[in-house]
Amino acid sequence: MDTANQDINLNSPNKGLGGSEALADMSAEGAVGNAGHVLPPGLSEEEAEELRTELVKVEEEINTLRQVLLAKEKHATELKRKLGLSPLNELKQNITKGWQDVQTSNAYKKTQETLSQAGQKTTAALSTVGTAISRRLGDMRNSQTFKSFEDRVGNLKYKVVGARGNGDVANSPTEANPVQDNAPF
């Protein structure tokens, strides 16, 4: 194709075509080759020839439209490049718009509301459980069984550490003055 004869008008249906020889190269592959085939019943040779001619024209139009579309896509890409719009920026804008569309959808709003309610109920339930556990541990600490256990641990500590005060320091348990750990028991 001779580039000097190309139509550069983006609105032209012949964009990128060098002339009639380019259109002739794009004719329907099977349309002319069907002349030797048996005609379908009820179709005369004359009607078949008209249909073949129409098919060639339609396929030429399709090819022309493909080329026009390709040229317009190239032109749009060039305009975007000049405007500083990159494919990455377009993707970001599409994702942002898509996310906004999702957020405004009824399904999203209902789901968000349901999850919010579930979160509030879960928080309330965990708070109630925490309060109950705290109360139960407090009750247990004040119980006679726990006080008896605490006394026994205190007695055991007294037997192991001895009658020293919390401020006494020793280097090892086997020495006469072992190290005091200042534990509450």
N, C-alpha and C. Protein backbone atom coordinates (compact mmCIF):
# COMPACT_ATOMS: atom_id res chain seq x y z
N MET A 1 0.85 -1.16 0.00
CA MET A 1 0.00 0.00 0.00
C MET A 1 0.90 1.23 0.00
N ASP A 2 0.61 2.17 -0.81
CA ASP A 2 1.39 3.39 -0.94
C ASP A 2 0.94 4.38 0.13
N THR A 3 1.84 4.77 1.03
CA THR A 3 1.47 5.65 2.13
C THR A 3 1.18 7.06 1.65
N ALA A 4 1.67 7.44 0.50
CA ALA A 4 1.42 8.79 -0.02
C ALA A 4 -0.04 8.96 -0.40
N ASN A 5 -0.72 7.89 -0.79
CA ASN A 5 -2.12 7.98 -1.21
C ASN A 5 -3.10 7.67 -0.08
N GLN A 6 -2.62 7.44 1.14
CA GLN A 6 -3.52 7.09 2.23
C GLN A 6 -4.40 8.26 2.60
N ASP A 7 -5.64 7.95 2.96
CA ASP A 7 -6.58 8.95 3.43
C ASP A 7 -6.30 9.17 4.92
N ILE A 8 -5.94 10.39 5.32
CA ILE A 8 -5.60 10.63 6.71
C ILE A 8 -6.74 11.27 7.50
N ASN A 9 -7.86 11.49 6.90
CA ASN A 9 -9.03 12.03 7.59
C ASN A 9 -9.57 10.93 8.50
N LEU A 10 -9.62 11.19 9.81
CA LEU A 10 -10.08 10.18 10.76
C LEU A 10 -11.55 9.85 10.61
N ASN A 11 -12.32 10.73 10.02
CA ASN A 11 -13.74 10.47 9.84
C ASN A 11 -14.05 9.77 8.53
N SER A 12 -13.04 9.55 7.72
CA SER A 12 -13.25 8.92 6.42
C SER A 12 -13.38 7.41 6.56
N PRO A 13 -14.33 6.79 5.85
CA PRO A 13 -14.44 5.33 5.89
C PRO A 13 -13.25 4.66 5.20
N ASN A 14 -12.49 5.40 4.43
CA ASN A 14 -11.35 4.82 3.72
C ASN A 14 -10.04 5.08 4.46
N LYS A 15 -10.09 5.43 5.74
CA LYS A 15 -8.89 5.74 6.52
C LYS A 15 -7.89 4.61 6.40
N GLY A 16 -6.69 4.96 5.99
CA GLY A 16 -5.62 3.98 5.91
C GLY A 16 -5.60 3.20 4.62
N LEU A 17 -6.57 3.40 3.77
CA LEU A 17 -6.63 2.63 2.53
C LEU A 17 -5.98 3.43 1.41
N GLY A 18 -5.24 2.74 0.57
CA GLY A 18 -4.52 3.40 -0.50
C GLY A 18 -5.35 3.60 -1.74
N GLY A 19 -6.46 3.03 -1.85
CA GLY A 19 -7.29 3.20 -3.03
C GLY A 19 -8.13 1.95 -3.26
N SER A 20 -8.64 1.82 -4.48
CA SER A 20 -9.55 0.72 -4.78
C SER A 20 -8.85 -0.63 -4.76
N GLU A 21 -7.54 -0.66 -5.03
CA GLU A 21 -6.85 -1.96 -5.00
C GLU A 21 -6.82 -2.53 -3.59
N ALA A 22 -6.81 -1.68 -2.55
CA ALA A 22 -6.83 -2.17 -1.18
C ALA A 22 -8.18 -2.79 -0.86
N LEU A 23 -9.25 -2.18 -1.35
CA LEU A 23 -10.57 -2.76 -1.16
C LEU A 23 -10.71 -4.08 -1.88
N ALA A 24 -10.14 -4.19 -3.04
CA ALA A 24 -10.23 -5.43 -3.80
C ALA A 24 -9.51 -6.56 -3.07
N ASP A 25 -8.41 -6.22 -2.36
CA ASP A 25 -7.67 -7.24 -1.62
C ASP A 25 -8.47 -7.77 -0.43
N MET A 26 -9.43 -7.01 0.06
CA MET A 26 -10.17 -7.40 1.24
C MET A 26 -11.51 -8.05 0.92
N SER A 27 -11.74 -8.49 -0.27
CA SER A 27 -13.04 -9.07 -0.60
C SER A 27 -13.24 -10.39 0.14
N ALA A 28 -14.48 -10.82 0.22
CA ALA A 28 -14.83 -12.03 0.94
C ALA A 28 -14.11 -13.23 0.36
N GLU A 29 -13.51 -14.02 1.25
CA GLU A 29 -12.74 -15.16 0.78
C GLU A 29 -13.62 -16.20 0.09
N GLY A 30 -14.74 -16.49 0.70
CA GLY A 30 -15.57 -17.55 0.15
C GLY A 30 -16.60 -17.09 -0.84
N ALA A 31 -16.83 -15.80 -0.98
CA ALA A 31 -17.93 -15.34 -1.80
C ALA A 31 -17.72 -15.65 -3.28
N VAL A 32 -16.57 -15.35 -3.83
CA VAL A 32 -16.33 -15.58 -5.25
C VAL A 32 -16.07 -17.06 -5.51
N GLY A 33 -15.49 -17.73 -4.56
CA GLY A 33 -15.15 -19.14 -4.73
C GLY A 33 -16.34 -20.06 -4.71
N ASN A 34 -17.53 -19.59 -4.36
CA ASN A 34 -18.71 -20.43 -4.29
C ASN A 34 -19.38 -20.64 -5.64
N ALA A 35 -18.85 -20.04 -6.68
CA ALA A 35 -19.51 -20.12 -7.99
C ALA A 35 -19.62 -21.56 -8.48
N GLY A 36 -18.69 -22.43 -8.14
CA GLY A 36 -18.73 -23.80 -8.63
C GLY A 36 -19.58 -24.73 -7.79
N HIS A 37 -20.10 -24.28 -6.67
CA HIS A 37 -20.88 -25.14 -5.79
C HIS A 37 -22.32 -25.25 -6.26
N VAL A 38 -22.97 -26.28 -5.80
CA VAL A 38 -24.37 -26.50 -6.14
C VAL A 38 -25.21 -25.49 -5.37
N LEU A 39 -26.17 -24.91 -6.05
CA LEU A 39 -27.03 -23.91 -5.44
C LEU A 39 -28.05 -24.56 -4.52
N PRO A 40 -28.42 -23.88 -3.44
CA PRO A 40 -29.47 -24.41 -2.57
C PRO A 40 -30.79 -24.46 -3.34
N PRO A 41 -31.69 -25.36 -2.98
CA PRO A 41 -32.97 -25.46 -3.70
C PRO A 41 -33.77 -24.16 -3.58
N GLY A 42 -34.38 -23.77 -4.65
CA GLY A 42 -35.21 -22.57 -4.70
C GLY A 42 -34.42 -21.31 -4.96
N LEU A 43 -33.11 -21.41 -5.27
CA LEU A 43 -32.29 -20.23 -5.51
C LEU A 43 -31.75 -20.30 -6.93
N SER A 44 -32.09 -19.28 -7.73
CA SER A 44 -31.63 -19.26 -9.11
C SER A 44 -30.18 -18.76 -9.16
N GLU A 45 -29.54 -18.98 -10.29
CA GLU A 45 -28.15 -18.53 -10.49
C GLU A 45 -28.06 -17.02 -10.37
N GLU A 46 -29.06 -16.33 -10.87
CA GLU A 46 -29.09 -14.89 -10.82
C GLU A 46 -29.19 -14.38 -9.38
N GLU A 47 -30.06 -15.00 -8.57
CA GLU A 47 -30.21 -14.62 -7.16
C GLU A 47 -28.92 -14.93 -6.39
N ALA A 48 -28.31 -16.06 -6.67
CA ALA A 48 -27.07 -16.44 -6.01
C ALA A 48 -25.97 -15.42 -6.30
N GLU A 49 -25.91 -14.98 -7.56
CA GLU A 49 -24.90 -14.00 -7.95
C GLU A 49 -25.14 -12.67 -7.22
N GLU A 50 -26.40 -12.25 -7.09
CA GLU A 50 -26.73 -11.03 -6.36
C GLU A 50 -26.32 -11.15 -4.90
N LEU A 51 -26.60 -12.33 -4.30
CA LEU A 51 -26.23 -12.54 -2.90
C LEU A 51 -24.71 -12.52 -2.71
N ARG A 52 -23.99 -13.12 -3.67
CA ARG A 52 -22.53 -13.11 -3.59
C ARG A 52 -21.99 -11.69 -3.68
N THR A 53 -22.55 -10.90 -4.57
CA THR A 53 -22.12 -9.52 -4.74
C THR A 53 -22.41 -8.73 -3.46
N GLU A 54 -23.58 -8.93 -2.91
CA GLU A 54 -23.94 -8.24 -1.67
C GLU A 54 -23.03 -8.67 -0.52
N LEU A 55 -22.71 -9.95 -0.47
CA LEU A 55 -21.81 -10.46 0.57
C LEU A 55 -20.43 -9.81 0.46
N VAL A 56 -19.92 -9.69 -0.76
CA VAL A 56 -18.62 -9.06 -0.97
C VAL A 56 -18.66 -7.61 -0.48
N LYS A 57 -19.75 -6.90 -0.82
CA LYS A 57 -19.87 -5.50 -0.39
C LYS A 57 -19.94 -5.39 1.13
N VAL A 58 -20.72 -6.25 1.77
CA VAL A 58 -20.87 -6.21 3.23
C VAL A 58 -19.54 -6.52 3.90
N GLU A 59 -18.81 -7.51 3.40
CA GLU A 59 -17.52 -7.84 3.99
C GLU A 59 -16.50 -6.72 3.77
N GLU A 60 -16.59 -6.05 2.62
CA GLU A 60 -15.71 -4.89 2.39
C GLU A 60 -16.03 -3.78 3.38
N GLU A 61 -17.33 -3.56 3.62
CA GLU A 61 -17.73 -2.54 4.60
C GLU A 61 -17.24 -2.90 6.00
N ILE A 62 -17.34 -4.18 6.34
CA ILE A 62 -16.86 -4.64 7.66
C ILE A 62 -15.36 -4.36 7.80
N ASN A 63 -14.60 -4.70 6.78
CA ASN A 63 -13.16 -4.44 6.82
C ASN A 63 -12.86 -2.95 6.91
N THR A 64 -13.62 -2.16 6.17
CA THR A 64 -13.43 -0.70 6.22
C THR A 64 -13.72 -0.19 7.62
N LEU A 65 -14.82 -0.65 8.20
CA LEU A 65 -15.17 -0.22 9.56
C LEU A 65 -14.11 -0.65 10.57
N ARG A 66 -13.54 -1.82 10.39
CA ARG A 66 -12.46 -2.26 11.28
C ARG A 66 -11.28 -1.31 11.20
N GLN A 67 -10.94 -0.91 9.97
CA GLN A 67 -9.81 0.00 9.81
C GLN A 67 -10.12 1.38 10.39
N VAL A 68 -11.36 1.85 10.20
CA VAL A 68 -11.75 3.14 10.76
C VAL A 68 -11.68 3.07 12.29
N LEU A 69 -12.18 1.99 12.86
CA LEU A 69 -12.14 1.82 14.31
C LEU A 69 -10.70 1.79 14.81
N LEU A 70 -9.84 1.06 14.13
CA LEU A 70 -8.43 1.00 14.51
C LEU A 70 -7.79 2.40 14.46
N ALA A 71 -8.09 3.15 13.40
CA ALA A 71 -7.54 4.49 13.28
C ALA A 71 -8.06 5.40 14.39
N LYS A 72 -9.32 5.30 14.74
CA LYS A 72 -9.91 6.11 15.80
C LYS A 72 -9.32 5.72 17.16
N GLU A 73 -9.08 4.44 17.37
CA GLU A 73 -8.46 4.00 18.62
C GLU A 73 -7.04 4.56 18.74
N LYS A 74 -6.30 4.54 17.62
CA LYS A 74 -4.95 5.12 17.64
C LYS A 74 -5.01 6.61 17.93
N HIS A 75 -5.96 7.30 17.31
CA HIS A 75 -6.12 8.73 17.52
C HIS A 75 -6.48 9.02 18.99
N ALA A 76 -7.39 8.22 19.55
CA ALA A 76 -7.79 8.40 20.96
C ALA A 76 -6.58 8.16 21.87
N THR A 77 -5.77 7.17 21.56
CA THR A 77 -4.58 6.89 22.36
C THR A 77 -3.62 8.07 22.30
N GLU A 78 -3.45 8.64 21.13
CA GLU A 78 -2.57 9.80 20.97
C GLU A 78 -3.10 11.00 21.76
N LEU A 79 -4.41 11.23 21.71
CA LEU A 79 -5.01 12.34 22.46
C LEU A 79 -4.81 12.13 23.97
N LYS A 80 -5.02 10.90 24.42
CA LYS A 80 -4.82 10.60 25.84
C LYS A 80 -3.37 10.83 26.24
N ARG A 81 -2.44 10.43 25.37
CA ARG A 81 -1.02 10.63 25.66
C ARG A 81 -0.73 12.12 25.78
N LYS A 82 -1.28 12.93 24.88
CA LYS A 82 -1.06 14.38 24.91
C LYS A 82 -1.68 15.01 26.16
N LEU A 83 -2.77 14.44 26.64
CA LEU A 83 -3.43 14.94 27.84
C LEU A 83 -2.78 14.41 29.12
N GLY A 84 -1.83 13.50 28.97
CA GLY A 84 -1.15 12.94 30.14
C GLY A 84 -1.91 11.82 30.80
N LEU A 85 -2.86 11.26 30.10
CA LEU A 85 -3.64 10.15 30.65
C LEU A 85 -2.95 8.84 30.27
N SER A 86 -2.44 8.15 31.28
CA SER A 86 -1.78 6.88 31.01
C SER A 86 -2.75 5.74 31.26
N PRO A 87 -2.46 4.57 30.74
CA PRO A 87 -3.33 3.43 31.01
C PRO A 87 -3.45 3.15 32.52
N LEU A 88 -2.38 3.40 33.27
CA LEU A 88 -2.43 3.18 34.71
C LEU A 88 -3.40 4.17 35.37
N ASN A 89 -3.36 5.43 34.92
CA ASN A 89 -4.31 6.41 35.46
C ASN A 89 -5.74 6.04 35.13
N GLU A 90 -5.95 5.57 33.92
CA GLU A 90 -7.30 5.14 33.53
C GLU A 90 -7.77 3.98 34.38
N LEU A 91 -6.86 3.03 34.63
CA LEU A 91 -7.20 1.89 35.47
C LEU A 91 -7.57 2.35 36.87
N LYS A 92 -6.78 3.28 37.43
CA LYS A 92 -7.08 3.81 38.76
C LYS A 92 -8.46 4.46 38.77
N GLN A 93 -8.75 5.26 37.73
CA GLN A 93 -10.05 5.93 37.67
C GLN A 93 -11.18 4.91 37.55
N ASN A 94 -10.96 3.88 36.74
CA ASN A 94 -11.99 2.85 36.58
C ASN A 94 -12.23 2.11 37.90
N ILE A 95 -11.16 1.80 38.61
CA ILE A 95 -11.30 1.10 39.88
C ILE A 95 -12.01 1.99 40.90
N THR A 96 -11.63 3.26 40.94
CA THR A 96 -12.26 4.20 41.87
C THR A 96 -13.75 4.33 41.56
N LYS A 97 -14.07 4.49 40.29
CA LYS A 97 -15.48 4.60 39.90
C LYS A 97 -16.23 3.31 40.22
N GLY A 98 -15.60 2.18 39.94
CA GLY A 98 -16.23 0.90 40.25
C GLY A 98 -16.49 0.74 41.73
N TRP A 99 -15.53 1.14 42.57
CA TRP A 99 -15.70 1.05 44.01
C TRP A 99 -16.81 1.98 44.49
N GLN A 100 -16.90 3.17 43.89
CA GLN A 100 -17.97 4.09 44.26
C GLN A 100 -19.32 3.50 43.86
N ASP A 101 -19.37 2.87 42.70
CA ASP A 101 -20.61 2.23 42.26
C ASP A 101 -21.01 1.11 43.22
N VAL A 102 -20.03 0.34 43.67
CA VAL A 102 -20.31 -0.75 44.61
C VAL A 102 -20.84 -0.18 45.92
N GLN A 103 -20.19 0.89 46.41
CA GLN A 103 -20.59 1.47 47.68
C GLN A 103 -21.99 2.07 47.63
N THR A 104 -22.43 2.50 46.48
CA THR A 104 -23.77 3.08 46.38
C THR A 104 -24.83 2.04 46.06
N SER A 105 -24.42 0.80 45.84
CA SER A 105 -25.41 -0.24 45.52
C SER A 105 -26.17 -0.65 46.77
N ASN A 106 -27.40 -1.08 46.57
CA ASN A 106 -28.25 -1.50 47.68
C ASN A 106 -27.68 -2.72 48.38
N ALA A 107 -27.11 -3.64 47.63
CA ALA A 107 -26.56 -4.85 48.23
C ALA A 107 -25.42 -4.51 49.18
N TYR A 108 -24.57 -3.59 48.77
CA TYR A 108 -23.44 -3.18 49.62
C TYR A 108 -23.95 -2.52 50.89
N LYS A 109 -24.92 -1.63 50.73
CA LYS A 109 -25.46 -0.93 51.90
C LYS A 109 -26.09 -1.90 52.88
N LYS A 110 -26.84 -2.88 52.37
CA LYS A 110 -27.47 -3.87 53.25
C LYS A 110 -26.42 -4.71 53.95
N THR A 111 -25.40 -5.12 53.20
CA THR A 111 -24.33 -5.93 53.79
C THR A 111 -23.59 -5.13 54.85
N GLN A 112 -23.29 -3.88 54.56
CA GLN A 112 -22.58 -3.02 55.52
C GLN A 112 -23.41 -2.85 56.79
N GLU A 113 -24.70 -2.64 56.63
CA GLU A 113 -25.58 -2.47 57.78
C GLU A 113 -25.63 -3.75 58.61
N THR A 114 -25.74 -4.88 57.95
CA THR A 114 -25.81 -6.17 58.64
C THR A 114 -24.51 -6.44 59.40
N LEU A 115 -23.38 -6.20 58.75
CA LEU A 115 -22.08 -6.42 59.41
C LEU A 115 -21.88 -5.46 60.57
N SER A 116 -22.36 -4.24 60.43
CA SER A 116 -22.25 -3.27 61.52
C SER A 116 -23.06 -3.73 62.72
N GLN A 117 -24.28 -4.19 62.48
CA GLN A 117 -25.11 -4.70 63.56
C GLN A 117 -24.48 -5.93 64.21
N ALA A 118 -23.93 -6.81 63.39
CA ALA A 118 -23.27 -8.01 63.92
C ALA A 118 -22.07 -7.62 64.77
N GLY A 119 -21.31 -6.63 64.33
CA GLY A 119 -20.16 -6.16 65.11
C GLY A 119 -20.59 -5.58 66.45
N GLN A 120 -21.67 -4.81 66.45
CA GLN A 120 -22.16 -4.22 67.69
C GLN A 120 -22.64 -5.31 68.65
N LYS A 121 -23.33 -6.30 68.10
CA LYS A 121 -23.82 -7.39 68.95
C LYS A 121 -22.65 -8.22 69.49
N THR A 122 -21.65 -8.44 68.67
CA THR A 122 -20.47 -9.19 69.11
C THR A 122 -19.74 -8.43 70.21
N THR A 123 -19.59 -7.12 70.03
CA THR A 123 -18.93 -6.31 71.05
C THR A 123 -19.69 -6.37 72.36
N ALA A 124 -21.00 -6.25 72.28
CA ALA A 124 -21.82 -6.31 73.49
C ALA A 124 -21.70 -7.68 74.16
N ALA A 125 -21.72 -8.74 73.36
CA ALA A 125 -21.62 -10.09 73.91
C ALA A 125 -20.27 -10.30 74.57
N LEU A 126 -19.19 -9.87 73.92
CA LEU A 126 -17.86 -10.03 74.51
C LEU A 126 -17.71 -9.21 75.78
N SER A 127 -18.29 -8.04 75.80
CA SER A 127 -18.25 -7.21 77.01
C SER A 127 -18.98 -7.91 78.14
N THR A 128 -20.13 -8.48 77.84
CA THR A 128 -20.90 -9.20 78.84
C THR A 128 -20.12 -10.41 79.36
N VAL A 129 -19.49 -11.14 78.45
CA VAL A 129 -18.70 -12.30 78.84
C VAL A 129 -17.52 -11.86 79.71
N GLY A 130 -16.84 -10.79 79.31
CA GLY A 130 -15.71 -10.28 80.10
C GLY A 130 -16.14 -9.87 81.49
N THR A 131 -17.27 -9.19 81.59
CA THR A 131 -17.79 -8.78 82.89
C THR A 131 -18.12 -10.01 83.73
N ALA A 132 -18.75 -10.98 83.14
CA ALA A 132 -19.12 -12.20 83.87
C ALA A 132 -17.88 -12.94 84.35
N ILE A 133 -16.86 -13.01 83.52
CA ILE A 133 -15.63 -13.70 83.91
C ILE A 133 -14.96 -12.95 85.06
N SER A 134 -14.90 -11.61 84.95
CA SER A 134 -14.30 -10.81 86.02
C SER A 134 -15.05 -11.01 87.34
N ARG A 135 -16.36 -10.96 87.25
CA ARG A 135 -17.17 -11.15 88.46
C ARG A 135 -16.94 -12.54 89.04
N ARG A 136 -16.90 -13.53 88.18
CA ARG A 136 -16.72 -14.91 88.63
C ARG A 136 -15.35 -15.11 89.28
N LEU A 137 -14.30 -14.50 88.68
CA LEU A 137 -12.97 -14.60 89.27
C LEU A 137 -12.92 -13.88 90.62
N GLY A 138 -13.60 -12.73 90.71
CA GLY A 138 -13.68 -12.01 91.99
C GLY A 138 -14.38 -12.84 93.03
N ASP A 139 -15.49 -13.48 92.63
CA ASP A 139 -16.22 -14.35 93.57
C ASP A 139 -15.34 -15.51 93.99
N MET A 140 -14.60 -16.06 93.04
CA MET A 140 -13.74 -17.20 93.33
C MET A 140 -12.63 -16.79 94.30
N ARG A 141 -12.06 -15.60 94.09
CA ARG A 141 -10.97 -15.15 94.96
C ARG A 141 -11.47 -14.94 96.39
N ASN A 142 -12.71 -14.54 96.52
CA ASN A 142 -13.27 -14.33 97.86
C ASN A 142 -13.84 -15.60 98.47
N SER A 143 -13.79 -16.68 97.70
CA SER A 143 -14.36 -17.94 98.22
C SER A 143 -13.43 -18.55 99.27
N GLN A 144 -14.00 -19.40 100.10
CA GLN A 144 -13.26 -20.07 101.16
C GLN A 144 -12.20 -21.00 100.58
N THR A 145 -12.51 -21.66 99.46
CA THR A 145 -11.57 -22.60 98.84
C THR A 145 -10.32 -21.86 98.37
N PHE A 146 -10.51 -20.71 97.72
CA PHE A 146 -9.35 -19.95 97.24
C PHE A 146 -8.52 -19.42 98.40
N LYS A 147 -9.19 -18.94 99.46
CA LYS A 147 -8.46 -18.43 100.62
C LYS A 147 -7.65 -19.55 101.26
N SER A 148 -8.22 -20.75 101.32
CA SER A 148 -7.49 -21.89 101.87
C SER A 148 -6.29 -22.21 100.99
N PHE A 149 -6.48 -22.16 99.65
CA PHE A 149 -5.38 -22.42 98.71
C PHE A 149 -4.29 -21.36 98.86
N GLU A 150 -4.70 -20.10 99.00
CA GLU A 150 -3.76 -18.99 99.16
C GLU A 150 -2.95 -19.16 100.45
N ASP A 151 -3.63 -19.59 101.50
CA ASP A 151 -2.92 -19.83 102.77
C ASP A 151 -1.90 -20.94 102.63
N ARG A 152 -2.28 -22.00 101.92
CA ARG A 152 -1.35 -23.12 101.74
C ARG A 152 -0.13 -22.71 100.93
N VAL A 153 -0.35 -21.92 99.86
CA VAL A 153 0.78 -21.45 99.06
C VAL A 153 1.66 -20.54 99.91
N GLY A 154 1.06 -19.70 100.72
CA GLY A 154 1.83 -18.84 101.62
C GLY A 154 2.66 -19.67 102.60
N ASN A 155 2.05 -20.74 103.13
CA ASN A 155 2.78 -21.62 104.05
C ASN A 155 3.92 -22.32 103.34
N LEU A 156 3.66 -22.76 102.11
CA LEU A 156 4.71 -23.43 101.33
C LEU A 156 5.87 -22.46 101.07
N LYS A 157 5.54 -21.23 100.74
CA LYS A 157 6.57 -20.23 100.51
C LYS A 157 7.38 -20.01 101.79
N TYR A 158 6.68 -19.94 102.89
CA TYR A 158 7.35 -19.73 104.17
C TYR A 158 8.32 -20.87 104.45
N LYS A 159 7.89 -22.09 104.13
CA LYS A 159 8.75 -23.25 104.38
C LYS A 159 9.97 -23.25 103.45
N VAL A 160 9.76 -22.80 102.19
CA VAL A 160 10.87 -22.82 101.23
C VAL A 160 11.81 -21.64 101.47
N VAL A 161 11.27 -20.47 101.62
CA VAL A 161 12.09 -19.26 101.71
C VAL A 161 12.52 -19.00 103.15
N GLY A 162 11.67 -19.28 104.04
CA GLY A 162 12.01 -19.03 105.43
C GLY A 162 11.30 -17.80 105.94
N ALA A 163 11.72 -17.36 107.13
CA ALA A 163 11.05 -16.25 107.79
C ALA A 163 11.67 -14.90 107.45
N ARG A 164 12.47 -14.84 106.39
CA ARG A 164 13.11 -13.57 106.02
C ARG A 164 12.07 -12.58 105.49
N GLY A 165 12.39 -11.33 105.54
CA GLY A 165 11.54 -10.27 104.99
C GLY A 165 11.75 -10.17 103.49
N ASN A 166 10.94 -9.41 102.83
CA ASN A 166 11.04 -9.27 101.38
C ASN A 166 12.29 -8.51 100.94
N GLY A 167 12.93 -7.77 101.80
CA GLY A 167 14.10 -7.00 101.43
C GLY A 167 15.40 -7.79 101.50
N ASP A 168 15.43 -8.98 102.09
CA ASP A 168 16.65 -9.78 102.21
C ASP A 168 17.05 -10.33 100.86
N VAL A 169 18.37 -10.38 100.62
CA VAL A 169 18.88 -10.85 99.35
C VAL A 169 19.86 -11.98 99.59
N ALA A 170 19.77 -13.03 98.77
CA ALA A 170 20.73 -14.15 98.82
C ALA A 170 21.07 -14.55 97.41
N ASN A 171 22.19 -15.28 97.24
CA ASN A 171 22.66 -15.58 95.90
C ASN A 171 22.10 -16.87 95.32
N SER A 172 21.80 -17.88 96.14
CA SER A 172 21.32 -19.14 95.59
C SER A 172 20.44 -19.84 96.60
N PRO A 173 19.55 -20.75 96.17
CA PRO A 173 18.67 -21.45 97.12
C PRO A 173 19.45 -22.36 98.05
N THR A 174 20.63 -22.81 97.67
CA THR A 174 21.39 -23.73 98.51
C THR A 174 22.22 -22.97 99.53
N GLU A 175 22.40 -21.68 99.35
CA GLU A 175 23.14 -20.87 100.30
C GLU A 175 22.27 -20.60 101.52
N ALA A 176 22.89 -20.10 102.53
CA ALA A 176 22.17 -19.79 103.77
C ALA A 176 21.18 -18.66 103.55
N ASN A 177 21.47 -17.75 102.61
CA ASN A 177 20.57 -16.63 102.34
C ASN A 177 20.18 -16.63 100.86
N PRO A 178 19.14 -17.38 100.43
CA PRO A 178 18.77 -17.40 99.02
C PRO A 178 18.15 -16.07 98.58
N VAL A 179 18.12 -15.84 97.24
CA VAL A 179 17.57 -14.61 96.66
C VAL A 179 16.06 -14.60 96.82
N GLN A 180 15.53 -13.47 97.28
CA GLN A 180 14.08 -13.32 97.42
C GLN A 180 13.52 -12.83 96.10
N ASP A 181 12.45 -13.44 95.56
CA ASP A 181 11.89 -13.06 94.27
C ASP A 181 10.78 -12.03 94.37
N ASN A 182 10.40 -11.65 95.57
CA ASN A 182 9.35 -10.67 95.81
C ASN A 182 8.04 -11.05 95.13
N ALA A 183 7.74 -12.32 95.05
CA ALA A 183 6.49 -12.79 94.48
C ALA A 183 5.36 -12.54 95.44
N PRO A 184 4.11 -12.38 94.96
CA PRO A 184 2.99 -12.11 95.86
C PRO A 184 2.63 -13.30 96.71
N PHE A 185 3.09 -14.50 96.44
CA PHE A 185 2.75 -15.69 97.21
C PHE A 185 3.89 -16.11 98.08
